[in-house]
Amino acid sequence: MMSEQGNKAEEYYHSLLALSRISAAISGLRELDTILRIGLDNVLSIMNGTVGGIMLLDELSQTLSYRVYHGLSDKYAEEMRLKLGEGIAGKVAQSGRAELLEDISLEPDAARLNLISSEGLKAFISVPLRAKDNVLGVMNVASHVPHHFTTEDVHLLHSIGDQLGIAVEQAELYERLRKARERLRKLARQNLAAEEIERRRIARELHDETSQSLSGIALQLEALIEMAAKSDKQDTEFIAGLKKVQSLTVQVHKEVSRVISNLHPALLDTLGLVAAVRQHAKNRLQPLDINVTVEVKGTEKR
């Protein structure tokens, strides 16, 4: 009786140690393949095995395929694609219950028996990778000799499978978040590019049309003022009115030039962003007695 209790305590300790080892190995990892590879390597080390693999379930096609494997041929891993409910692994993924087979090569429900025979697989364990109530895939561990695994091995792998399932779910969520952020960054870059194109277009139209027209009006007004001043019949009130209109035109022209510069500073094209920012800060803040210093790190000077 004491010996039996001692054996159970030892098995329990062994299981806790194995789970702790897996947890420590994959803790903090975010890249899915790395998690699966390290998880599988540790499982095979714990089981003293050399053959195994992890199959993930594709939600759209409802198909299981090997993502990582060890001790299996590439041909086996490539061709062993199973629909949900097909073969041993497919049934495990569908039911969420582990399977222990003494010799899978003699199992009539096994899929691709020719592949299994060519690999020389015998004893076989398949456990689900679960996150809450969702089965994300299965982990298979095999041996080239029959009767190699025990029910205690199944229980241990079942617990490890649940642990890996949570890690897989977290990695997939992180990957989705990363892709979503990348899409947002891409959209932001596209939006900024579109804004810059529109700014350039407006600045160009203001320069080519409005600014040029104002310059022409200012020159014509100046010519009229000179003509009026040289006239024998000088009308001081008329000349004063012309000068007022000319002054207003010059002011409007300066304001349009300022708007053009704000929309797309000329320095941005000639000397680059840093020079444009530095000049913009100087023009806007120095009149307010605010001194500003622009420092840039990690970029080449232009």
C-alpha atoms as a PDB file:
ATOM      1  CA  MET A   1       0.000   0.000   0.000  1.00  0.00           C
ATOM      2  CA  MET A   2       2.759   2.420   0.949  1.00  0.00           C
ATOM      3  CA  SER A   3       4.688   1.449  -2.167  1.00  0.00           C
ATOM      4  CA  GLU A   4       1.664   2.173  -4.365  1.00  0.00           C
ATOM      5  CA  GLN A   5       1.161   5.574  -2.733  1.00  0.00           C
ATOM      6  CA  GLY A   6       4.840   6.279  -3.163  1.00  0.00           C
ATOM      7  CA  ASN A   7       4.644   5.459  -6.862  1.00  0.00           C
ATOM      8  CA  LYS A   8       1.618   7.733  -7.317  1.00  0.00           C
ATOM      9  CA  ALA A   9       3.375  10.544  -5.478  1.00  0.00           C
ATOM     10  CA  GLU A  10       6.419  10.076  -7.690  1.00  0.00           C
ATOM     11  CA  GLU A  11       4.276  10.118 -10.838  1.00  0.00           C
ATOM     12  CA  TYR A  12       2.486  13.251  -9.634  1.00  0.00           C
ATOM     13  CA  TYR A  13       5.812  14.924  -8.916  1.00  0.00           C
ATOM     14  CA  HIS A  14       7.104  13.884 -12.327  1.00  0.00           C
ATOM     15  CA  SER A  15       4.012  15.382 -13.995  1.00  0.00           C
ATOM     16  CA  LEU A  16       4.321  18.668 -12.112  1.00  0.00           C
ATOM     17  CA  LEU A  17       7.999  18.852 -12.999  1.00  0.00           C
ATOM     18  CA  ALA A  18       7.242  18.222 -16.671  1.00  0.00           C
ATOM     19  CA  LEU A  19       4.487  20.854 -16.770  1.00  0.00           C
ATOM     20  CA  SER A  20       6.746  23.355 -15.024  1.00  0.00           C
ATOM     21  CA  ARG A  21       9.498  22.614 -17.528  1.00  0.00           C
ATOM     22  CA  ILE A  22       7.191  23.209 -20.499  1.00  0.00           C
ATOM     23  CA  SER A  23       5.787  26.375 -18.940  1.00  0.00           C
ATOM     24  CA  ALA A  24       9.260  27.794 -18.324  1.00  0.00           C
ATOM     25  CA  ALA A  25      10.390  26.904 -21.853  1.00  0.00           C
ATOM     26  CA  ILE A  26       7.545  28.678 -23.673  1.00  0.00           C
ATOM     27  CA  SER A  27       6.908  31.498 -21.206  1.00  0.00           C
ATOM     28  CA  GLY A  28       7.170  34.906 -22.840  1.00  0.00           C
ATOM     29  CA  LEU A  29       7.389  33.527 -26.383  1.00  0.00           C
ATOM     30  CA  ARG A  30       5.117  35.066 -29.009  1.00  0.00           C
ATOM     31  CA  GLU A  31       6.206  33.501 -32.298  1.00  0.00           C
ATOM     32  CA  LEU A  32       4.008  30.480 -33.013  1.00  0.00           C
ATOM     33  CA  ASP A  33       6.551  28.191 -34.681  1.00  0.00           C
ATOM     34  CA  THR A  34       9.076  28.824 -31.907  1.00  0.00           C
ATOM     35  CA  ILE A  35       6.499  27.919 -29.247  1.00  0.00           C
ATOM     36  CA  LEU A  36       5.560  24.717 -31.064  1.00  0.00           C
ATOM     37  CA  ARG A  37       9.147  23.707 -31.762  1.00  0.00           C
ATOM     38  CA  ILE A  38      10.333  24.242 -28.193  1.00  0.00           C
ATOM     39  CA  GLY A  39       7.193  22.604 -26.821  1.00  0.00           C
ATOM     40  CA  LEU A  40       7.636  19.511 -29.004  1.00  0.00           C
ATOM     41  CA  ASP A  41      11.344  19.213 -28.218  1.00  0.00           C
ATOM     42  CA  ASN A  42      10.621  19.316 -24.491  1.00  0.00           C
ATOM     43  CA  VAL A  43       7.793  16.779 -24.789  1.00  0.00           C
ATOM     44  CA  LEU A  44      10.013  14.314 -26.659  1.00  0.00           C
ATOM     45  CA  SER A  45      12.749  14.830 -24.087  1.00  0.00           C
ATOM     46  CA  ILE A  46      10.321  14.190 -21.214  1.00  0.00           C
ATOM     47  CA  MET A  47       8.922  11.094 -22.956  1.00  0.00           C
ATOM     48  CA  ASN A  48      12.377   9.841 -23.982  1.00  0.00           C
ATOM     49  CA  GLY A  49      11.001   9.786 -27.522  1.00  0.00           C
ATOM     50  CA  THR A  50      12.338  10.673 -30.950  1.00  0.00           C
ATOM     51  CA  VAL A  51       9.176  10.783 -33.063  1.00  0.00           C
ATOM     52  CA  GLY A  52       6.397  13.331 -32.827  1.00  0.00           C
ATOM     53  CA  GLY A  53       4.716  16.338 -34.305  1.00  0.00           C
ATOM     54  CA  ILE A  54       2.106  19.037 -33.810  1.00  0.00           C
ATOM     55  CA  MET A  55      -0.770  19.454 -36.251  1.00  0.00           C
ATOM     56  CA  LEU A  56      -2.794  22.660 -36.325  1.00  0.00           C
ATOM     57  CA  LEU A  57      -6.399  22.931 -37.431  1.00  0.00           C
ATOM     58  CA  ASP A  58      -7.224  25.348 -40.244  1.00  0.00           C
ATOM     59  CA  GLU A  59     -10.594  26.866 -39.365  1.00  0.00           C
ATOM     60  CA  LEU A  60     -11.621  27.578 -42.952  1.00  0.00           C
ATOM     61  CA  SER A  61     -10.821  24.205 -44.508  1.00  0.00           C
ATOM     62  CA  GLN A  62     -11.291  22.218 -41.271  1.00  0.00           C
ATOM     63  CA  THR A  63      -8.057  20.406 -42.105  1.00  0.00           C
ATOM     64  CA  LEU A  64      -5.237  19.277 -39.824  1.00  0.00           C
ATOM     65  CA  SER A  65      -1.666  19.572 -41.081  1.00  0.00           C
ATOM     66  CA  TYR A  66       1.768  19.283 -39.478  1.00  0.00           C
ATOM     67  CA  ARG A  67       3.264  22.615 -38.445  1.00  0.00           C
ATOM     68  CA  VAL A  68       6.329  21.166 -36.681  1.00  0.00           C
ATOM     69  CA  TYR A  69       7.599  17.590 -36.465  1.00  0.00           C
ATOM     70  CA  HIS A  70      10.599  15.524 -35.441  1.00  0.00           C
ATOM     71  CA  GLY A  71      11.647  12.041 -36.523  1.00  0.00           C
ATOM     72  CA  LEU A  72       9.122  12.006 -39.376  1.00  0.00           C
ATOM     73  CA  SER A  73       9.901  12.250 -43.081  1.00  0.00           C
ATOM     74  CA  ASP A  74       8.924  15.347 -45.046  1.00  0.00           C
ATOM     75  CA  LYS A  75       6.813  13.117 -47.289  1.00  0.00           C
ATOM     76  CA  TYR A  76       4.843  11.822 -44.299  1.00  0.00           C
ATOM     77  CA  ALA A  77       4.305  15.305 -42.851  1.00  0.00           C
ATOM     78  CA  GLU A  78       3.249  16.725 -46.217  1.00  0.00           C
ATOM     79  CA  GLU A  79       0.821  13.955 -47.155  1.00  0.00           C
ATOM     80  CA  MET A  80      -0.674  13.393 -43.705  1.00  0.00           C
ATOM     81  CA  ARG A  81      -3.334  16.085 -44.080  1.00  0.00           C
ATOM     82  CA  LEU A  82      -6.541  15.089 -42.353  1.00  0.00           C
ATOM     83  CA  LYS A  83     -10.058  16.434 -42.382  1.00  0.00           C
ATOM     84  CA  LEU A  84     -11.712  16.961 -39.022  1.00  0.00           C
ATOM     85  CA  GLY A  85     -12.883  13.511 -37.877  1.00  0.00           C
ATOM     86  CA  GLU A  86     -10.594  11.663 -40.305  1.00  0.00           C
ATOM     87  CA  GLY A  87      -8.080   9.177 -38.926  1.00  0.00           C
ATOM     88  CA  ILE A  88      -6.893   9.082 -35.329  1.00  0.00           C
ATOM     89  CA  ALA A  89      -5.701  12.683 -35.105  1.00  0.00           C
ATOM     90  CA  GLY A  90      -8.828  13.938 -36.874  1.00  0.00           C
ATOM     91  CA  LYS A  91     -11.057  12.146 -34.362  1.00  0.00           C
ATOM     92  CA  VAL A  92      -9.043  13.519 -31.443  1.00  0.00           C
ATOM     93  CA  ALA A  93      -9.430  17.043 -32.807  1.00  0.00           C
ATOM     94  CA  GLN A  94     -13.152  16.507 -33.293  1.00  0.00           C
ATOM     95  CA  SER A  95     -13.875  14.906 -29.916  1.00  0.00           C
ATOM     96  CA  GLY A  96     -11.288  16.668 -27.781  1.00  0.00           C
ATOM     97  CA  ARG A  97     -10.339  13.310 -26.226  1.00  0.00           C
ATOM     98  CA  ALA A  98      -6.875  11.759 -26.311  1.00  0.00           C
ATOM     99  CA  GLU A  99      -6.130   8.401 -27.952  1.00  0.00           C
ATOM    100  CA  LEU A 100      -3.559   5.781 -26.964  1.00  0.00           C
ATOM    101  CA  LEU A 101      -2.788   3.022 -29.483  1.00  0.00           C
ATOM    102  CA  GLU A 102      -0.479   0.103 -28.844  1.00  0.00           C
ATOM    103  CA  ASP A 103       0.208  -0.282 -32.579  1.00  0.00           C
ATOM    104  CA  ILE A 104      -1.241   2.285 -34.978  1.00  0.00           C
ATOM    105  CA  SER A 105      -0.142   0.274 -38.020  1.00  0.00           C
ATOM    106  CA  LEU A 106      -2.801  -2.315 -37.088  1.00  0.00           C
ATOM    107  CA  GLU A 107      -5.537   0.240 -36.418  1.00  0.00           C
ATOM    108  CA  PRO A 108      -8.294   0.060 -39.089  1.00  0.00           C
ATOM    109  CA  ASP A 109      -9.492   3.601 -38.297  1.00  0.00           C
ATOM    110  CA  ALA A 110      -6.064   5.100 -38.953  1.00  0.00           C
ATOM    111  CA  ALA A 111      -5.732   7.199 -42.102  1.00  0.00           C
ATOM    112  CA  ARG A 112      -2.946   6.729 -44.685  1.00  0.00           C
ATOM    113  CA  LEU A 113      -1.889   3.315 -43.363  1.00  0.00           C
ATOM    114  CA  ASN A 114       0.642   3.021 -46.180  1.00  0.00           C
ATOM    115  CA  LEU A 115       2.395   6.154 -44.933  1.00  0.00           C
ATOM    116  CA  ILE A 116       2.268   4.938 -41.342  1.00  0.00           C
ATOM    117  CA  SER A 117       3.781   1.591 -42.337  1.00  0.00           C
ATOM    118  CA  SER A 118       6.516   3.224 -44.389  1.00  0.00           C
ATOM    119  CA  GLU A 119       7.485   5.325 -41.359  1.00  0.00           C
ATOM    120  CA  GLY A 120       7.529   2.230 -39.157  1.00  0.00           C
ATOM    121  CA  LEU A 121       5.257   3.779 -36.539  1.00  0.00           C
ATOM    122  CA  LYS A 122       3.849   1.533 -33.814  1.00  0.00           C
ATOM    123  CA  ALA A 123       2.861   2.901 -30.389  1.00  0.00           C
ATOM    124  CA  PHE A 124       0.990   6.168 -30.820  1.00  0.00           C
ATOM    125  CA  ILE A 125      -0.494   8.889 -28.606  1.00  0.00           C
ATOM    126  CA  SER A 126      -2.588  11.767 -29.926  1.00  0.00           C
ATOM    127  CA  VAL A 127      -3.794  14.523 -27.583  1.00  0.00           C
ATOM    128  CA  PRO A 128      -5.778  17.692 -28.354  1.00  0.00           C
ATOM    129  CA  LEU A 129      -4.370  21.204 -28.052  1.00  0.00           C
ATOM    130  CA  ARG A 130      -7.173  23.053 -26.351  1.00  0.00           C
ATOM    131  CA  ALA A 131      -7.803  26.634 -25.307  1.00  0.00           C
ATOM    132  CA  LYS A 132     -10.957  26.727 -23.207  1.00  0.00           C
ATOM    133  CA  ASP A 133     -13.469  24.712 -25.249  1.00  0.00           C
ATOM    134  CA  ASN A 134     -11.733  25.190 -28.605  1.00  0.00           C
ATOM    135  CA  VAL A 135      -9.478  22.525 -30.110  1.00  0.00           C
ATOM    136  CA  LEU A 136      -6.713  24.272 -32.061  1.00  0.00           C
ATOM    137  CA  GLY A 137      -4.825  21.167 -33.128  1.00  0.00           C
ATOM    138  CA  VAL A 138      -3.331  17.904 -31.892  1.00  0.00           C
ATOM    139  CA  MET A 139       0.035  16.708 -30.647  1.00  0.00           C
ATOM    140  CA  ASN A 140       1.162  13.248 -31.734  1.00  0.00           C
ATOM    141  CA  VAL A 141       3.944  11.245 -30.112  1.00  0.00           C
ATOM    142  CA  ALA A 142       4.944   7.894 -31.597  1.00  0.00           C
ATOM    143  CA  SER A 143       7.420   5.059 -31.208  1.00  0.00           C
ATOM    144  CA  HIS A 144       8.892   2.467 -33.549  1.00  0.00           C
ATOM    145  CA  VAL A 145       8.047  -0.284 -31.052  1.00  0.00           C
ATOM    146  CA  PRO A 146       4.567  -1.318 -29.838  1.00  0.00           C
ATOM    147  CA  HIS A 147       3.270  -1.062 -26.250  1.00  0.00           C
ATOM    148  CA  HIS A 148       5.691   1.788 -25.541  1.00  0.00           C
ATOM    149  CA  PHE A 149       3.374   4.259 -23.776  1.00  0.00           C
ATOM    150  CA  THR A 150       1.182   4.095 -20.672  1.00  0.00           C
ATOM    151  CA  THR A 151      -2.055   5.744 -19.558  1.00  0.00           C
ATOM    152  CA  GLU A 152       0.043   7.947 -17.257  1.00  0.00           C
ATOM    153  CA  ASP A 153       1.874   9.199 -20.352  1.00  0.00           C
ATOM    154  CA  VAL A 154      -1.487  10.063 -21.903  1.00  0.00           C
ATOM    155  CA  HIS A 155      -2.593  12.024 -18.839  1.00  0.00           C
ATOM    156  CA  LEU A 156       0.677  13.935 -18.787  1.00  0.00           C
ATOM    157  CA  LEU A 157       0.538  14.740 -22.505  1.00  0.00           C
ATOM    158  CA  HIS A 158      -3.108  15.770 -22.137  1.00  0.00           C
ATOM    159  CA  SER A 159      -2.095  18.379 -19.547  1.00  0.00           C
ATOM    160  CA  ILE A 160       0.812  19.540 -21.690  1.00  0.00           C
ATOM    161  CA  GLY A 161      -1.543  19.744 -24.674  1.00  0.00           C
ATOM    162  CA  ASP A 162      -3.839  22.082 -22.752  1.00  0.00           C
ATOM    163  CA  GLN A 163      -0.845  24.199 -21.797  1.00  0.00           C
ATOM    164  CA  LEU A 164       0.387  24.387 -25.382  1.00  0.00           C
ATOM    165  CA  GLY A 165      -3.145  25.099 -26.614  1.00  0.00           C
ATOM    166  CA  ILE A 166      -3.324  28.243 -24.489  1.00  0.00           C
ATOM    167  CA  ALA A 167       0.120  29.306 -25.732  1.00  0.00           C
ATOM    168  CA  VAL A 168      -0.964  28.709 -29.351  1.00  0.00           C
ATOM    169  CA  GLU A 169      -4.110  30.786 -28.847  1.00  0.00           C
ATOM    170  CA  GLN A 170      -2.105  33.639 -27.339  1.00  0.00           C
ATOM    171  CA  ALA A 171       0.441  33.489 -30.167  1.00  0.00           C
ATOM    172  CA  GLU A 172      -2.317  33.556 -32.791  1.00  0.00           C
ATOM    173  CA  LEU A 173      -4.023  36.491 -31.051  1.00  0.00           C
ATOM    174  CA  TYR A 174      -0.698  38.327 -30.900  1.00  0.00           C
ATOM    175  CA  GLU A 175      -0.109  37.665 -34.609  1.00  0.00           C
ATOM    176  CA  ARG A 176      -3.573  38.968 -35.474  1.00  0.00           C
ATOM    177  CA  LEU A 177      -2.921  42.068 -33.379  1.00  0.00           C
ATOM    178  CA  ARG A 178       0.448  42.579 -35.081  1.00  0.00           C
ATOM    179  CA  LYS A 179      -1.145  42.295 -38.524  1.00  0.00           C
ATOM    180  CA  ALA A 180      -3.956  44.656 -37.521  1.00  0.00           C
ATOM    181  CA  ARG A 181      -1.418  47.211 -36.304  1.00  0.00           C
ATOM    182  CA  GLU A 182       0.557  46.837 -39.517  1.00  0.00           C
ATOM    183  CA  ARG A 183      -2.611  47.411 -41.555  1.00  0.00           C
ATOM    184  CA  LEU A 184      -3.350  50.542 -39.512  1.00  0.00           C
ATOM    185  CA  ARG A 185       0.209  51.800 -40.023  1.00  0.00           C
ATOM    186  CA  LYS A 186      -0.093  51.130 -43.753  1.00  0.00           C
ATOM    187  CA  LEU A 187      -3.414  52.979 -43.923  1.00  0.00           C
ATOM    188  CA  ALA A 188      -1.911  55.856 -41.943  1.00  0.00           C
ATOM    189  CA  ARG A 189       1.033  56.049 -44.365  1.00  0.00           C
ATOM    190  CA  GLN A 190      -1.333  55.967 -47.335  1.00  0.00           C
ATOM    191  CA  ASN A 191      -3.465  58.680 -45.744  1.00  0.00           C
ATOM    192  CA  LEU A 192      -0.429  60.864 -45.094  1.00  0.00           C
ATOM    193  CA  ALA A 193       0.786  60.312 -48.648  1.00  0.00           C
ATOM    194  CA  ALA A 194      -2.644  61.278 -50.025  1.00  0.00           C
ATOM    195  CA  GLU A 195      -2.699  64.379 -47.818  1.00  0.00           C
ATOM    196  CA  GLU A 196       0.774  65.363 -48.992  1.00  0.00           C
ATOM    197  CA  ILE A 197      -0.218  64.939 -52.651  1.00  0.00           C
ATOM    198  CA  GLU A 198      -3.290  67.107 -52.080  1.00  0.00           C
ATOM    199  CA  ARG A 199      -1.227  69.719 -50.221  1.00  0.00           C
ATOM    200  CA  ARG A 200       1.234  69.863 -53.103  1.00  0.00           C
ATOM    201  CA  ARG A 201      -1.589  70.191 -55.616  1.00  0.00           C
ATOM    202  CA  ILE A 202      -3.237  73.052 -53.718  1.00  0.00           C
ATOM    203  CA  ALA A 203       0.121  74.762 -53.128  1.00  0.00           C
ATOM    204  CA  ARG A 204       0.989  74.443 -56.818  1.00  0.00           C
ATOM    205  CA  GLU A 205      -2.368  75.852 -57.927  1.00  0.00           C
ATOM    206  CA  LEU A 206      -2.091  78.739 -55.480  1.00  0.00           C
ATOM    207  CA  HIS A 207       1.417  79.479 -56.720  1.00  0.00           C
ATOM    208  CA  ASP A 208       0.706  79.083 -60.424  1.00  0.00           C
ATOM    209  CA  GLU A 209      -2.654  80.848 -60.481  1.00  0.00           C
ATOM    210  CA  THR A 210      -3.541  82.932 -57.431  1.00  0.00           C
ATOM    211  CA  SER A 211      -0.032  84.059 -56.506  1.00  0.00           C
ATOM    212  CA  GLN A 212       0.901  84.891 -60.094  1.00  0.00           C
ATOM    213  CA  SER A 213      -2.343  86.799 -60.592  1.00  0.00           C
ATOM    214  CA  LEU A 214      -1.779  88.837 -57.432  1.00  0.00           C
ATOM    215  CA  SER A 215       1.773  89.629 -58.530  1.00  0.00           C
ATOM    216  CA  GLY A 216       0.439  90.817 -61.880  1.00  0.00           C
ATOM    217  CA  ILE A 217      -2.223  92.989 -60.231  1.00  0.00           C
ATOM    218  CA  ALA A 218       0.379  94.528 -57.902  1.00  0.00           C
ATOM    219  CA  LEU A 219       2.642  95.386 -60.843  1.00  0.00           C
ATOM    220  CA  GLN A 220      -0.231  96.894 -62.828  1.00  0.00           C
ATOM    221  CA  LEU A 221      -1.280  98.986 -59.850  1.00  0.00           C
ATOM    222  CA  GLU A 222       2.280 100.218 -59.456  1.00  0.00           C
ATOM    223  CA  ALA A 223       2.338 101.196 -63.127  1.00  0.00           C
ATOM    224  CA  LEU A 224      -0.992 103.031 -62.763  1.00  0.00           C
ATOM    225  CA  ILE A 225       0.319 104.910 -59.738  1.00  0.00           C
ATOM    226  CA  GLU A 226       3.394 106.014 -61.697  1.00  0.00           C
ATOM    227  CA  MET A 227       1.232 107.077 -64.639  1.00  0.00           C
ATOM    228  CA  ALA A 228      -1.120 108.995 -62.357  1.00  0.00           C
ATOM    229  CA  ALA A 229       1.799 110.708 -60.649  1.00  0.00           C
ATOM    230  CA  LYS A 230       3.233 111.857 -64.007  1.00  0.00           C
ATOM    231  CA  SER A 231      -0.130 113.091 -65.251  1.00  0.00           C
ATOM    232  CA  ASP A 232      -0.728 116.842 -65.551  1.00  0.00           C
ATOM    233  CA  LYS A 233      -4.025 116.419 -63.747  1.00  0.00           C
ATOM    234  CA  GLN A 234      -2.910 114.696 -60.600  1.00  0.00           C
ATOM    235  CA  ASP A 235      -5.742 113.345 -58.490  1.00  0.00           C
ATOM    236  CA  THR A 236      -4.214 112.844 -55.052  1.00  0.00           C
ATOM    237  CA  GLU A 237      -7.283 111.061 -53.755  1.00  0.00           C
ATOM    238  CA  PHE A 238      -7.233 108.667 -56.711  1.00  0.00           C
ATOM    239  CA  ILE A 239      -3.505 108.007 -56.292  1.00  0.00           C
ATOM    240  CA  ALA A 240      -3.996 107.375 -52.560  1.00  0.00           C
ATOM    241  CA  GLY A 241      -6.747 104.905 -53.383  1.00  0.00           C
ATOM    242  CA  LEU A 242      -4.489 103.100 -55.854  1.00  0.00           C
ATOM    243  CA  LYS A 243      -1.696 102.901 -53.281  1.00  0.00           C
ATOM    244  CA  LYS A 244      -4.114 101.516 -50.716  1.00  0.00           C
ATOM    245  CA  VAL A 245      -5.304  98.854 -53.135  1.00  0.00           C
ATOM    246  CA  GLN A 246      -1.707  98.046 -54.071  1.00  0.00           C
ATOM    247  CA  SER A 247      -0.730  97.707 -50.407  1.00  0.00           C
ATOM    248  CA  LEU A 248      -3.685  95.418 -49.788  1.00  0.00           C
ATOM    249  CA  THR A 249      -2.751  93.339 -52.837  1.00  0.00           C
ATOM    250  CA  VAL A 250       0.825  92.963 -51.594  1.00  0.00           C
ATOM    251  CA  GLN A 251      -0.445  91.895 -48.169  1.00  0.00           C
ATOM    252  CA  VAL A 252      -2.776  89.324 -49.716  1.00  0.00           C
ATOM    253  CA  HIS A 253       0.100  88.047 -51.862  1.00  0.00           C
ATOM    254  CA  LYS A 254       2.273  87.629 -48.764  1.00  0.00           C
ATOM    255  CA  GLU A 255      -0.532  85.785 -46.996  1.00  0.00           C
ATOM    256  CA  VAL A 256      -0.991  83.453 -49.977  1.00  0.00           C
ATOM    257  CA  SER A 257       2.777  82.832 -50.022  1.00  0.00           C
ATOM    258  CA  ARG A 258       2.639  81.986 -46.316  1.00  0.00           C
ATOM    259  CA  VAL A 259      -0.230  79.542 -46.927  1.00  0.00           C
ATOM    260  CA  ILE A 260       1.734  77.931 -49.782  1.00  0.00           C
ATOM    261  CA  SER A 261       4.767  77.571 -47.528  1.00  0.00           C
ATOM    262  CA  ASN A 262       2.680  76.016 -44.749  1.00  0.00           C
ATOM    263  CA  LEU A 263       1.055  73.597 -47.172  1.00  0.00           C
ATOM    264  CA  HIS A 264       4.360  72.451 -48.604  1.00  0.00           C
ATOM    265  CA  PRO A 265       7.543  74.269 -47.529  1.00  0.00           C
ATOM    266  CA  ALA A 266      10.059  74.686 -50.325  1.00  0.00           C
ATOM    267  CA  LEU A 267      12.791  73.520 -47.946  1.00  0.00           C
ATOM    268  CA  LEU A 268      11.035  70.167 -47.720  1.00  0.00           C
ATOM    269  CA  ASP A 269      12.019  69.401 -51.311  1.00  0.00           C
ATOM    270  CA  THR A 270      15.409  71.084 -51.324  1.00  0.00           C
ATOM    271  CA  LEU A 271      16.915  70.338 -47.902  1.00  0.00           C
ATOM    272  CA  GLY A 272      14.580  67.725 -46.405  1.00  0.00           C
ATOM    273  CA  LEU A 273      12.241  67.341 -43.444  1.00  0.00           C
ATOM    274  CA  VAL A 274      14.646  68.382 -40.667  1.00  0.00           C
ATOM    275  CA  ALA A 275      15.545  71.692 -42.295  1.00  0.00           C
ATOM    276  CA  ALA A 276      11.887  72.371 -43.078  1.00  0.00           C
ATOM    277  CA  VAL A 277      10.824  71.708 -39.467  1.00  0.00           C
ATOM    278  CA  ARG A 278      13.663  73.841 -38.120  1.00  0.00           C
ATOM    279  CA  GLN A 279      12.785  76.752 -40.416  1.00  0.00           C
ATOM    280  CA  HIS A 280       9.061  76.435 -39.682  1.00  0.00           C
ATOM    281  CA  ALA A 281       9.693  76.494 -35.930  1.00  0.00           C
ATOM    282  CA  LYS A 282      11.956  79.527 -36.309  1.00  0.00           C
ATOM    283  CA  ASN A 283       9.431  81.467 -38.388  1.00  0.00           C
ATOM    284  CA  ARG A 284       6.509  80.718 -36.090  1.00  0.00           C
ATOM    285  CA  LEU A 285       8.099  80.820 -32.635  1.00  0.00           C
ATOM    286  CA  GLN A 286      10.912  83.375 -32.768  1.00  0.00           C
ATOM    287  CA  PRO A 287       8.468  86.286 -33.290  1.00  0.00           C
ATOM    288  CA  LEU A 288       6.950  85.201 -29.957  1.00  0.00           C
ATOM    289  CA  ASP A 289      10.407  85.312 -28.275  1.00  0.00           C
ATOM    290  CA  ILE A 290      10.467  81.523 -28.022  1.00  0.00           C
ATOM    291  CA  ASN A 291      13.780  79.867 -28.809  1.00  0.00           C
ATOM    292  CA  VAL A 292      13.508  76.364 -30.201  1.00  0.00           C
ATOM    293  CA  THR A 293      16.176  73.741 -30.900  1.00  0.00           C
ATOM    294  CA  VAL A 294      15.512  70.806 -33.216  1.00  0.00           C
ATOM    295  CA  GLU A 295      17.602  67.675 -32.670  1.00  0.00           C
ATOM    296  CA  VAL A 296      17.358  64.509 -34.735  1.00  0.00           C
ATOM    297  CA  LYS A 297      18.804  61.131 -33.811  1.00  0.00           C
ATOM    298  CA  GLY A 298      19.197  58.029 -35.904  1.00  0.00           C
ATOM    299  CA  THR A 299      18.905  59.637 -39.351  1.00  0.00           C
ATOM    300  CA  GLU A 300      21.425  60.807 -41.875  1.00  0.00           C
ATOM    301  CA  LYS A 301      21.798  64.491 -42.521  1.00  0.00           C
ATOM    302  CA  ARG A 302      20.627  65.701 -45.887  1.00  0.00           C
END
